[in-house]
């Protein structure tokens, strides 16, 4: 890279750090609610555990001995991993016994899988082979994380209302994905720009849906606002949304 590319690479990396931090901190409202009520209610802890795995893998991939010129990827995802660990532990503390066991098992799987990737990449792989192995693992779970808002997009289309898809959350998904997409392009790293390009695309779709249905905000049918908060933050499938609605409306 020439000096101009290096400067642009740094700028987009810093901007990507800022927007990603916003996304990591967005669920704080949910967890403050959990702590106050001392219950996880209808929330799911699965997306937080999977986001933790994505952060751990991304932080590892960004280290200099795995891939070059990606230290900013490590810094934000290291911070994200710390935040997600707190979320998962809070969820385990306040979840009912059955859910607690499930999330604790998933948390154990996440740490075990990450440890396996680290050990294999350190002991069995070197140079480009190490980068490819860690890069593929990171890309897969990054796409899974970015794909979580698909359920709320289906809800917006079905209800023709954006009440349950906050504009700024959609905006920062787009900005975060776009920043890291450009960062990856400038660094010529497909394991950064491919998955974040997918995230940028999904963020753009959310913004398009928002502007199509923005005049219908607050007019969604058969939906509950608190359900919308759950789906936006956690990407719950429609079946779970329906179950949540039934529970909140006093039906089994």
C-alpha atoms as a PDB file:
ATOM      1  CA  UNK A   1       0.000   0.000   0.000  1.00  0.00           C
ATOM      2  CA  UNK A   2       1.139   3.545  -0.721  1.00  0.00           C
ATOM      3  CA  UNK A   3       0.950   6.212   1.982  1.00  0.00           C
ATOM      4  CA  UNK A   4      -2.484   7.471   0.913  1.00  0.00           C
ATOM      5  CA  UNK A   5      -3.909   3.937   1.036  1.00  0.00           C
ATOM      6  CA  UNK A   6      -2.325   3.393   4.451  1.00  0.00           C
ATOM      7  CA  UNK A   7      -3.908   6.588   5.780  1.00  0.00           C
ATOM      8  CA  UNK A   8      -7.326   5.661   4.356  1.00  0.00           C
ATOM      9  CA  UNK A   9      -6.921   2.140   5.730  1.00  0.00           C
ATOM     10  CA  UNK A  10      -6.290   3.574   9.195  1.00  0.00           C
ATOM     11  CA  UNK A  11      -9.198   6.051   8.997  1.00  0.00           C
ATOM     12  CA  UNK A  12     -11.749   3.408   7.977  1.00  0.00           C
ATOM     13  CA  UNK A  13     -10.388   1.057  10.637  1.00  0.00           C
ATOM     14  CA  UNK A  14     -10.877   3.675  13.354  1.00  0.00           C
ATOM     15  CA  UNK A  15     -14.362   4.525  12.071  1.00  0.00           C
ATOM     16  CA  UNK A  16     -15.180   0.806  11.959  1.00  0.00           C
ATOM     17  CA  UNK A  17     -14.063   0.509  15.585  1.00  0.00           C
ATOM     18  CA  UNK A  18     -16.400   3.337  16.627  1.00  0.00           C
ATOM     19  CA  UNK A  19     -19.479   1.985  14.819  1.00  0.00           C
ATOM     20  CA  UNK A  20     -18.818  -1.590  15.974  1.00  0.00           C
ATOM     21  CA  UNK A  21     -18.554  -0.391  19.577  1.00  0.00           C
ATOM     22  CA  UNK A  22     -22.020   1.171  19.256  1.00  0.00           C
ATOM     23  CA  UNK A  23     -23.432  -2.157  18.055  1.00  0.00           C
ATOM     24  CA  UNK A  24     -21.787  -4.055  20.910  1.00  0.00           C
ATOM     25  CA  UNK A  25     -23.179  -1.613  23.478  1.00  0.00           C
ATOM     26  CA  UNK A  26     -26.702  -1.407  21.996  1.00  0.00           C
ATOM     27  CA  UNK A  27     -28.068  -4.394  24.028  1.00  0.00           C
ATOM     28  CA  UNK A  28     -27.216  -2.664  27.334  1.00  0.00           C
ATOM     29  CA  UNK A  29     -30.852  -1.524  27.562  1.00  0.00           C
ATOM     30  CA  UNK A  30     -31.994  -5.140  27.430  1.00  0.00           C
ATOM     31  CA  UNK A  31     -29.549  -6.295  30.085  1.00  0.00           C
ATOM     32  CA  UNK A  32     -30.374  -3.406  32.387  1.00  0.00           C
ATOM     33  CA  UNK A  33     -33.988  -4.560  32.124  1.00  0.00           C
ATOM     34  CA  UNK A  34     -32.928  -8.149  32.915  1.00  0.00           C
ATOM     35  CA  UNK A  35     -30.948  -7.031  35.969  1.00  0.00           C
ATOM     36  CA  UNK A  36     -33.795  -4.846  37.263  1.00  0.00           C
ATOM     37  CA  UNK A  37     -36.410  -7.572  36.839  1.00  0.00           C
ATOM     38  CA  UNK A  38     -33.984 -10.357  37.836  1.00  0.00           C
ATOM     39  CA  UNK A  39     -35.383 -12.391  34.962  1.00  0.00           C
ATOM     40  CA  UNK A  40     -34.450 -13.020  31.323  1.00  0.00           C
ATOM     41  CA  UNK A  41     -38.179 -13.110  30.484  1.00  0.00           C
ATOM     42  CA  UNK A  42     -38.611 -14.131  26.818  1.00  0.00           C
ATOM     43  CA  UNK A  43     -35.125 -13.065  25.749  1.00  0.00           C
ATOM     44  CA  UNK A  44     -32.720 -15.519  24.165  1.00  0.00           C
ATOM     45  CA  UNK A  45     -29.034 -15.705  25.087  1.00  0.00           C
ATOM     46  CA  UNK A  46     -27.984 -17.651  21.989  1.00  0.00           C
ATOM     47  CA  UNK A  47     -27.124 -14.656  19.749  1.00  0.00           C
ATOM     48  CA  UNK A  48     -24.859 -13.195  22.443  1.00  0.00           C
ATOM     49  CA  UNK A  49     -22.925 -16.436  22.762  1.00  0.00           C
ATOM     50  CA  UNK A  50     -22.554 -16.658  18.978  1.00  0.00           C
ATOM     51  CA  UNK A  51     -21.472 -13.009  18.766  1.00  0.00           C
ATOM     52  CA  UNK A  52     -18.884 -13.783  21.449  1.00  0.00           C
ATOM     53  CA  UNK A  53     -17.493 -16.565  19.271  1.00  0.00           C
ATOM     54  CA  UNK A  54     -17.354 -14.221  16.280  1.00  0.00           C
ATOM     55  CA  UNK A  55     -15.514 -11.585  18.330  1.00  0.00           C
ATOM     56  CA  UNK A  56     -12.997 -14.085  19.685  1.00  0.00           C
ATOM     57  CA  UNK A  57     -12.261 -15.493  16.230  1.00  0.00           C
ATOM     58  CA  UNK A  58     -12.025 -12.013  14.666  1.00  0.00           C
ATOM     59  CA  UNK A  59      -9.722 -10.776  17.425  1.00  0.00           C
ATOM     60  CA  UNK A  60      -7.485 -13.803  16.903  1.00  0.00           C
ATOM     61  CA  UNK A  61      -7.492 -13.382  13.111  1.00  0.00           C
ATOM     62  CA  UNK A  62      -6.399  -9.747  13.418  1.00  0.00           C
ATOM     63  CA  UNK A  63      -3.238 -10.549  15.381  1.00  0.00           C
ATOM     64  CA  UNK A  64       0.002  -9.899  13.422  1.00  0.00           C
ATOM     65  CA  UNK A  65       1.181 -13.522  13.469  1.00  0.00           C
ATOM     66  CA  UNK A  66      -2.110 -14.635  11.870  1.00  0.00           C
ATOM     67  CA  UNK A  67      -2.775 -11.793   9.391  1.00  0.00           C
ATOM     68  CA  UNK A  68      -0.816  -8.599   8.764  1.00  0.00           C
ATOM     69  CA  UNK A  69      -2.099  -5.016   9.040  1.00  0.00           C
ATOM     70  CA  UNK A  70      -5.285  -6.004  10.873  1.00  0.00           C
ATOM     71  CA  UNK A  71      -4.510  -4.957  14.441  1.00  0.00           C
ATOM     72  CA  UNK A  72      -7.557  -2.653  14.513  1.00  0.00           C
ATOM     73  CA  UNK A  73      -9.701  -5.734  13.872  1.00  0.00           C
ATOM     74  CA  UNK A  74      -8.211  -7.289  17.013  1.00  0.00           C
ATOM     75  CA  UNK A  75      -8.695  -4.232  19.218  1.00  0.00           C
ATOM     76  CA  UNK A  76     -12.431  -3.754  18.617  1.00  0.00           C
ATOM     77  CA  UNK A  77     -13.250  -7.446  18.616  1.00  0.00           C
ATOM     78  CA  UNK A  78     -11.217  -7.952  21.781  1.00  0.00           C
ATOM     79  CA  UNK A  79     -13.321  -5.237  23.406  1.00  0.00           C
ATOM     80  CA  UNK A  80     -16.452  -6.775  21.909  1.00  0.00           C
ATOM     81  CA  UNK A  81     -15.544 -10.189  23.315  1.00  0.00           C
ATOM     82  CA  UNK A  82     -15.219  -8.681  26.794  1.00  0.00           C
ATOM     83  CA  UNK A  83     -18.633  -7.002  26.472  1.00  0.00           C
ATOM     84  CA  UNK A  84     -20.300 -10.174  25.164  1.00  0.00           C
ATOM     85  CA  UNK A  85     -18.827 -12.253  28.010  1.00  0.00           C
ATOM     86  CA  UNK A  86     -20.523  -9.881  30.464  1.00  0.00           C
ATOM     87  CA  UNK A  87     -23.830 -10.249  28.603  1.00  0.00           C
ATOM     88  CA  UNK A  88     -23.621 -14.041  28.573  1.00  0.00           C
ATOM     89  CA  UNK A  89     -22.718 -14.244  32.273  1.00  0.00           C
ATOM     90  CA  UNK A  90     -25.595 -11.914  33.220  1.00  0.00           C
ATOM     91  CA  UNK A  91     -27.933 -14.068  31.171  1.00  0.00           C
ATOM     92  CA  UNK A  92     -26.706 -17.242  32.880  1.00  0.00           C
ATOM     93  CA  UNK A  93     -27.205 -15.687  36.330  1.00  0.00           C
ATOM     94  CA  UNK A  94     -30.815 -14.612  35.708  1.00  0.00           C
ATOM     95  CA  UNK A  95     -32.065 -17.299  33.305  1.00  0.00           C
ATOM     96  CA  UNK A  96     -34.423 -20.082  34.467  1.00  0.00           C
ATOM     97  CA  UNK A  97     -32.752 -23.423  35.146  1.00  0.00           C
ATOM     98  CA  UNK A  98     -33.426 -25.025  31.747  1.00  0.00           C
ATOM     99  CA  UNK A  99     -32.289 -21.957  29.795  1.00  0.00           C
ATOM    100  CA  UNK A 100     -29.331 -21.487  32.138  1.00  0.00           C
ATOM    101  CA  UNK A 101     -28.113 -25.013  31.382  1.00  0.00           C
ATOM    102  CA  UNK A 102     -28.516 -24.493  27.631  1.00  0.00           C
ATOM    103  CA  UNK A 103     -26.608 -21.190  27.540  1.00  0.00           C
ATOM    104  CA  UNK A 104     -23.915 -22.482  29.879  1.00  0.00           C
ATOM    105  CA  UNK A 105     -23.430 -25.422  27.524  1.00  0.00           C
ATOM    106  CA  UNK A 106     -23.269 -23.098  24.519  1.00  0.00           C
ATOM    107  CA  UNK A 107     -20.811 -20.834  26.350  1.00  0.00           C
ATOM    108  CA  UNK A 108     -18.625 -23.877  27.018  1.00  0.00           C
ATOM    109  CA  UNK A 109     -18.844 -24.858  23.343  1.00  0.00           C
ATOM    110  CA  UNK A 110     -17.820 -21.326  22.267  1.00  0.00           C
ATOM    111  CA  UNK A 111     -14.735 -21.346  24.484  1.00  0.00           C
ATOM    112  CA  UNK A 112     -13.843 -24.908  23.466  1.00  0.00           C
ATOM    113  CA  UNK A 113     -14.238 -24.181  19.750  1.00  0.00           C
ATOM    114  CA  UNK A 114     -12.169 -21.018  20.021  1.00  0.00           C
ATOM    115  CA  UNK A 115      -9.458 -22.847  21.972  1.00  0.00           C
ATOM    116  CA  UNK A 116      -9.392 -25.565  19.279  1.00  0.00           C
ATOM    117  CA  UNK A 117      -8.971 -22.956  16.515  1.00  0.00           C
ATOM    118  CA  UNK A 118      -6.157 -21.294  18.460  1.00  0.00           C
ATOM    119  CA  UNK A 119      -4.314 -24.551  19.155  1.00  0.00           C
ATOM    120  CA  UNK A 120      -4.674 -25.877  15.599  1.00  0.00           C
ATOM    121  CA  UNK A 121      -3.535 -22.588  14.077  1.00  0.00           C
ATOM    122  CA  UNK A 122      -0.546 -22.337  16.410  1.00  0.00           C
ATOM    123  CA  UNK A 123       0.631 -25.935  16.481  1.00  0.00           C
ATOM    124  CA  UNK A 124      -0.359 -27.362  13.091  1.00  0.00           C
ATOM    125  CA  UNK A 125      -0.413 -24.429  10.682  1.00  0.00           C
ATOM    126  CA  UNK A 126       1.996 -21.738   9.611  1.00  0.00           C
ATOM    127  CA  UNK A 127       2.076 -18.708   7.321  1.00  0.00           C
ATOM    128  CA  UNK A 128      -0.694 -18.500   4.726  1.00  0.00           C
ATOM    129  CA  UNK A 129      -2.284 -21.799   5.815  1.00  0.00           C
ATOM    130  CA  UNK A 130      -2.827 -20.351   9.296  1.00  0.00           C
ATOM    131  CA  UNK A 131      -4.373 -17.186   7.836  1.00  0.00           C
ATOM    132  CA  UNK A 132      -6.716 -19.190   5.571  1.00  0.00           C
ATOM    133  CA  UNK A 133      -7.870 -21.488   8.374  1.00  0.00           C
ATOM    134  CA  UNK A 134      -8.572 -18.656  10.821  1.00  0.00           C
ATOM    135  CA  UNK A 135     -10.015 -16.446   8.099  1.00  0.00           C
ATOM    136  CA  UNK A 136     -12.594 -19.002   6.970  1.00  0.00           C
ATOM    137  CA  UNK A 137     -13.666 -19.668  10.568  1.00  0.00           C
ATOM    138  CA  UNK A 138     -14.018 -15.938  11.205  1.00  0.00           C
ATOM    139  CA  UNK A 139     -15.934 -15.255   7.987  1.00  0.00           C
ATOM    140  CA  UNK A 140     -18.529 -17.964   8.646  1.00  0.00           C
ATOM    141  CA  UNK A 141     -19.458 -16.736  12.124  1.00  0.00           C
ATOM    142  CA  UNK A 142     -19.305 -13.080  11.079  1.00  0.00           C
ATOM    143  CA  UNK A 143     -21.901 -13.728   8.369  1.00  0.00           C
ATOM    144  CA  UNK A 144     -24.065 -15.571  10.911  1.00  0.00           C
ATOM    145  CA  UNK A 145     -23.877 -12.552  13.237  1.00  0.00           C
ATOM    146  CA  UNK A 146     -24.734 -10.077  10.475  1.00  0.00           C
ATOM    147  CA  UNK A 147     -27.605 -12.315   9.334  1.00  0.00           C
ATOM    148  CA  UNK A 148     -29.428 -12.100  12.680  1.00  0.00           C
ATOM    149  CA  UNK A 149     -31.601  -9.059  11.690  1.00  0.00           C
ATOM    150  CA  UNK A 150     -33.244 -11.021   8.846  1.00  0.00           C
ATOM    151  CA  UNK A 151     -36.170 -11.956  11.100  1.00  0.00           C
ATOM    152  CA  UNK A 152     -36.985  -8.342  11.955  1.00  0.00           C
ATOM    153  CA  UNK A 153     -36.814  -7.460   8.248  1.00  0.00           C
ATOM    154  CA  UNK A 154     -39.453 -10.128   7.598  1.00  0.00           C
ATOM    155  CA  UNK A 155     -41.555  -8.596  10.390  1.00  0.00           C
ATOM    156  CA  UNK A 156     -41.287  -5.128   8.809  1.00  0.00           C
ATOM    157  CA  UNK A 157     -42.408  -6.450   5.418  1.00  0.00           C
ATOM    158  CA  UNK A 158     -45.271  -8.454   6.958  1.00  0.00           C
ATOM    159  CA  UNK A 159     -46.595  -5.633   9.160  1.00  0.00           C
ATOM    160  CA  UNK A 160     -45.595  -2.796   6.793  1.00  0.00           C
ATOM    161  CA  UNK A 161     -44.331  -0.976   9.878  1.00  0.00           C
ATOM    162  CA  UNK A 162     -40.833   0.031  11.053  1.00  0.00           C
ATOM    163  CA  UNK A 163     -41.898   0.384  14.675  1.00  0.00           C
ATOM    164  CA  UNK A 164     -39.743  -2.597  15.601  1.00  0.00           C
ATOM    165  CA  UNK A 165     -36.655  -1.656  13.532  1.00  0.00           C
ATOM    166  CA  UNK A 166     -34.931   1.390  15.087  1.00  0.00           C
ATOM    167  CA  UNK A 167     -33.419   3.651  12.459  1.00  0.00           C
ATOM    168  CA  UNK A 168     -30.117   4.271  14.237  1.00  0.00           C
ATOM    169  CA  UNK A 169     -29.484   0.575  14.846  1.00  0.00           C
ATOM    170  CA  UNK A 170     -30.002  -0.117  11.126  1.00  0.00           C
ATOM    171  CA  UNK A 171     -27.813   2.882  10.262  1.00  0.00           C
ATOM    172  CA  UNK A 172     -24.933   1.673  12.415  1.00  0.00           C
ATOM    173  CA  UNK A 173     -25.188  -1.877  11.024  1.00  0.00           C
ATOM    174  CA  UNK A 174     -24.751  -0.313   7.582  1.00  0.00           C
ATOM    175  CA  UNK A 175     -21.936   2.043   8.651  1.00  0.00           C
ATOM    176  CA  UNK A 176     -20.078  -0.688  10.524  1.00  0.00           C
ATOM    177  CA  UNK A 177     -20.305  -3.187   7.664  1.00  0.00           C
ATOM    178  CA  UNK A 178     -19.354  -0.559   5.082  1.00  0.00           C
ATOM    179  CA  UNK A 179     -16.376   0.715   7.098  1.00  0.00           C
ATOM    180  CA  UNK A 180     -14.891  -2.743   7.514  1.00  0.00           C
ATOM    181  CA  UNK A 181     -15.733  -3.628   3.903  1.00  0.00           C
ATOM    182  CA  UNK A 182     -13.671  -0.679   2.654  1.00  0.00           C
ATOM    183  CA  UNK A 183     -10.982  -1.419   5.260  1.00  0.00           C
ATOM    184  CA  UNK A 184     -10.736  -4.972   3.906  1.00  0.00           C
ATOM    185  CA  UNK A 185     -10.618  -3.790   0.295  1.00  0.00           C
ATOM    186  CA  UNK A 186      -7.810  -1.334   1.060  1.00  0.00           C
ATOM    187  CA  UNK A 187      -5.908  -4.077   2.850  1.00  0.00           C
ATOM    188  CA  UNK A 188      -6.715  -6.588   0.089  1.00  0.00           C
ATOM    189  CA  UNK A 189      -8.103  -9.031   2.665  1.00  0.00           C
ATOM    190  CA  UNK A 190     -11.123 -11.057   1.441  1.00  0.00           C
ATOM    191  CA  UNK A 191     -11.724 -12.440   4.943  1.00  0.00           C
ATOM    192  CA  UNK A 192     -12.517  -8.897   6.048  1.00  0.00           C
ATOM    193  CA  UNK A 193     -14.282  -7.424   3.027  1.00  0.00           C
ATOM    194  CA  UNK A 194     -16.471 -10.387   1.969  1.00  0.00           C
ATOM    195  CA  UNK A 195     -18.317 -10.927   5.249  1.00  0.00           C
ATOM    196  CA  UNK A 196     -18.512  -7.194   6.013  1.00  0.00           C
ATOM    197  CA  UNK A 197     -19.730  -6.544   2.483  1.00  0.00           C
ATOM    198  CA  UNK A 198     -22.586  -8.912   3.341  1.00  0.00           C
ATOM    199  CA  UNK A 199     -23.208  -6.907   6.512  1.00  0.00           C
ATOM    200  CA  UNK A 200     -23.174  -3.632   4.577  1.00  0.00           C
ATOM    201  CA  UNK A 201     -25.687  -5.064   2.092  1.00  0.00           C
ATOM    202  CA  UNK A 202     -28.062  -6.187   4.863  1.00  0.00           C
ATOM    203  CA  UNK A 203     -27.726  -2.807   6.572  1.00  0.00           C
ATOM    204  CA  UNK A 204     -28.581  -1.069   3.297  1.00  0.00           C
ATOM    205  CA  UNK A 205     -31.670  -3.288   2.903  1.00  0.00           C
ATOM    206  CA  UNK A 206     -32.802  -2.341   6.409  1.00  0.00           C
ATOM    207  CA  UNK A 207     -32.436   1.363   5.580  1.00  0.00           C
ATOM    208  CA  UNK A 208     -34.364   0.914   2.324  1.00  0.00           C
ATOM    209  CA  UNK A 209     -37.173  -0.857   4.203  1.00  0.00           C
ATOM    210  CA  UNK A 210     -37.158   1.920   6.778  1.00  0.00           C
ATOM    211  CA  UNK A 211     -37.659   4.628   4.159  1.00  0.00           C
ATOM    212  CA  UNK A 212     -40.341   2.593   2.359  1.00  0.00           C
ATOM    213  CA  UNK A 213     -42.403   2.060   5.517  1.00  0.00           C
ATOM    214  CA  UNK A 214     -41.296   5.031   7.648  1.00  0.00           C
ATOM    215  CA  UNK A 215     -44.741   6.677   7.463  1.00  0.00           C
ATOM    216  CA  UNK A 216     -46.288   3.554   8.995  1.00  0.00           C
ATOM    217  CA  UNK A 217     -44.196   3.711  12.149  1.00  0.00           C
ATOM    218  CA  UNK A 218     -46.327   2.706  15.115  1.00  0.00           C
ATOM    219  CA  UNK A 219     -49.012   1.090  12.945  1.00  0.00           C
ATOM    220  CA  UNK A 220     -47.813  -2.510  12.926  1.00  0.00           C
ATOM    221  CA  UNK A 221     -50.486  -5.189  13.246  1.00  0.00           C
ATOM    222  CA  UNK A 222     -50.584  -7.838  15.925  1.00  0.00           C
ATOM    223  CA  UNK A 223     -47.181  -6.985  17.248  1.00  0.00           C
ATOM    224  CA  UNK A 224     -45.963  -5.862  20.655  1.00  0.00           C
ATOM    225  CA  UNK A 225     -43.321  -3.161  21.070  1.00  0.00           C
ATOM    226  CA  UNK A 226     -41.304  -5.150  23.566  1.00  0.00           C
ATOM    227  CA  UNK A 227     -41.275  -8.044  21.115  1.00  0.00           C
ATOM    228  CA  UNK A 228     -39.790  -5.692  18.553  1.00  0.00           C
ATOM    229  CA  UNK A 229     -36.967  -4.826  20.942  1.00  0.00           C
ATOM    230  CA  UNK A 230     -36.233  -8.506  21.408  1.00  0.00           C
ATOM    231  CA  UNK A 231     -36.212  -9.256  17.699  1.00  0.00           C
ATOM    232  CA  UNK A 232     -34.064  -6.271  16.753  1.00  0.00           C
ATOM    233  CA  UNK A 233     -31.394  -7.036  19.305  1.00  0.00           C
ATOM    234  CA  UNK A 234     -31.474 -10.804  19.146  1.00  0.00           C
ATOM    235  CA  UNK A 235     -32.798 -11.777  15.722  1.00  0.00           C
ATOM    236  CA  UNK A 236     -35.448 -14.128  17.039  1.00  0.00           C
ATOM    237  CA  UNK A 237     -37.269 -16.262  14.454  1.00  0.00           C
ATOM    238  CA  UNK A 238     -40.931 -15.566  13.719  1.00  0.00           C
ATOM    239  CA  UNK A 239     -42.121 -18.599  15.657  1.00  0.00           C
ATOM    240  CA  UNK A 240     -40.481 -17.286  18.803  1.00  0.00           C
ATOM    241  CA  UNK A 241     -41.952 -13.841  18.145  1.00  0.00           C
ATOM    242  CA  UNK A 242     -45.426 -15.371  18.043  1.00  0.00           C
ATOM    243  CA  UNK A 243     -44.798 -17.305  21.243  1.00  0.00           C
ATOM    244  CA  UNK A 244     -43.568 -14.139  22.925  1.00  0.00           C
ATOM    245  CA  UNK A 245     -46.677 -12.264  21.830  1.00  0.00           C
ATOM    246  CA  UNK A 246     -48.916 -15.000  23.197  1.00  0.00           C
ATOM    247  CA  UNK A 247     -47.128 -15.007  26.534  1.00  0.00           C
ATOM    248  CA  UNK A 248     -47.263 -11.244  26.836  1.00  0.00           C
ATOM    249  CA  UNK A 249     -50.959 -11.170  25.913  1.00  0.00           C
ATOM    250  CA  UNK A 250     -51.788 -13.759  28.561  1.00  0.00           C
ATOM    251  CA  UNK A 251     -52.331 -16.688  26.173  1.00  0.00           C
ATOM    252  CA  UNK A 252     -50.611 -20.061  26.083  1.00  0.00           C
END
